[in-house]
Amino acid sequence: MPTDSVRSTFYMEPALHQALHLKAAVSRRSLSQIVNDAVRQALREDEQDNAAFAERVSEGSVSYKTFLGELKADGAL
């Protein structure tokens, strides 16, 4: 384990914990490696989502009611 790691305690559902242990055994990786990779991936996805929102910030918004009306008018509903 890297020396610059920080120990953390968190709680998991028992079934997720069991699945994580099985994945670690099959992949020959540590629980920490799997959790770190999963958190990195989630943060990358957040970064991509934020970038997509930033690109579309100037777009106008449409109310839900208006959008449903447009779908109905187009024959989609």
Protein backbone atom coordinates (compact mmCIF):
# COMPACT_ATOMS: atom_id res chain seq x y z
CA MET A 1 0.00 0.00 0.00
CA PRO A 2 1.36 3.47 -0.85
CA THR A 3 2.83 5.38 2.09
CA ASP A 4 0.75 8.45 1.22
CA SER A 5 -2.53 6.61 1.79
CA VAL A 6 -5.07 7.68 4.39
CA ARG A 7 -7.03 5.18 6.39
CA SER A 8 -10.80 5.62 6.30
CA THR A 9 -13.76 3.87 7.86
CA PHE A 10 -17.07 3.57 6.08
CA TYR A 11 -20.04 1.25 6.23
CA MET A 12 -21.25 -0.98 3.40
CA GLU A 13 -24.26 -3.15 2.90
CA PRO A 14 -23.30 -6.76 3.66
CA ALA A 15 -24.05 -7.97 0.12
CA LEU A 16 -21.85 -5.25 -1.39
CA HIS A 17 -19.06 -6.11 1.02
CA GLN A 18 -19.26 -9.77 0.05
CA ALA A 19 -19.27 -8.90 -3.67
CA LEU A 20 -16.25 -6.65 -3.17
CA HIS A 21 -14.34 -9.43 -1.39
CA LEU A 22 -15.17 -11.87 -4.18
CA LYS A 23 -14.12 -9.39 -6.85
CA ALA A 24 -10.86 -8.76 -5.01
CA ALA A 25 -10.12 -12.47 -4.84
CA VAL A 26 -10.95 -13.12 -8.48
CA SER A 27 -9.05 -10.10 -9.78
CA ARG A 28 -6.15 -10.54 -7.34
CA ARG A 29 -6.46 -6.90 -6.29
CA SER A 30 -6.88 -5.44 -2.85
CA LEU A 31 -10.15 -4.01 -1.58
CA SER A 32 -8.43 -0.63 -1.41
CA GLN A 33 -7.38 -0.78 -5.06
CA ILE A 34 -10.90 -1.62 -6.17
CA VAL A 35 -12.52 1.07 -4.03
CA ASN A 36 -9.95 3.71 -5.08
CA ASP A 37 -10.52 2.89 -8.76
CA ALA A 38 -14.30 3.05 -8.33
CA VAL A 39 -14.11 6.43 -6.57
CA ARG A 40 -11.76 7.79 -9.25
CA GLN A 41 -14.19 6.65 -11.96
CA ALA A 42 -17.15 8.27 -10.17
CA LEU A 43 -15.22 11.53 -9.84
CA ARG A 44 -14.26 11.43 -13.54
CA GLU A 45 -17.92 10.99 -14.43
CA ASP A 46 -18.83 13.96 -12.23
CA GLU A 47 -16.17 16.02 -13.97
CA GLN A 48 -17.58 15.04 -17.38
CA ASP A 49 -21.11 15.88 -16.24
CA ASN A 50 -19.98 19.28 -14.97
CA ALA A 51 -18.25 20.00 -18.28
CA ALA A 52 -21.40 19.03 -20.20
CA PHE A 53 -23.53 21.31 -18.01
CA ALA A 54 -21.07 24.16 -18.51
CA GLU A 55 -21.26 23.73 -22.30
CA ARG A 56 -25.05 23.93 -22.20
CA VAL A 57 -25.47 26.70 -19.63
CA SER A 58 -26.53 29.21 -22.30
CA GLU A 59 -29.33 26.98 -23.62
CA GLY A 60 -32.84 27.97 -22.73
CA SER A 61 -34.95 25.82 -20.49
CA VAL A 62 -38.34 24.28 -21.20
CA SER A 63 -40.90 23.48 -18.55
CA TYR A 64 -42.01 19.91 -18.09
CA LYS A 65 -45.56 20.81 -19.10
CA THR A 66 -44.34 22.50 -22.30
CA PHE A 67 -42.09 19.56 -23.13
CA LEU A 68 -44.96 17.09 -22.72
CA GLY A 69 -47.07 19.30 -24.99
CA GLU A 70 -44.35 19.23 -27.63
CA LEU A 71 -44.09 15.44 -27.41
CA LYS A 72 -47.84 15.14 -27.81
CA ALA A 73 -47.86 17.54 -30.77
CA ASP A 74 -45.08 15.52 -32.44
CA GLY A 75 -47.06 12.29 -31.93
CA ALA A 76 -44.51 10.82 -29.55
CA LEU A 77 -47.15 10.55 -26.81
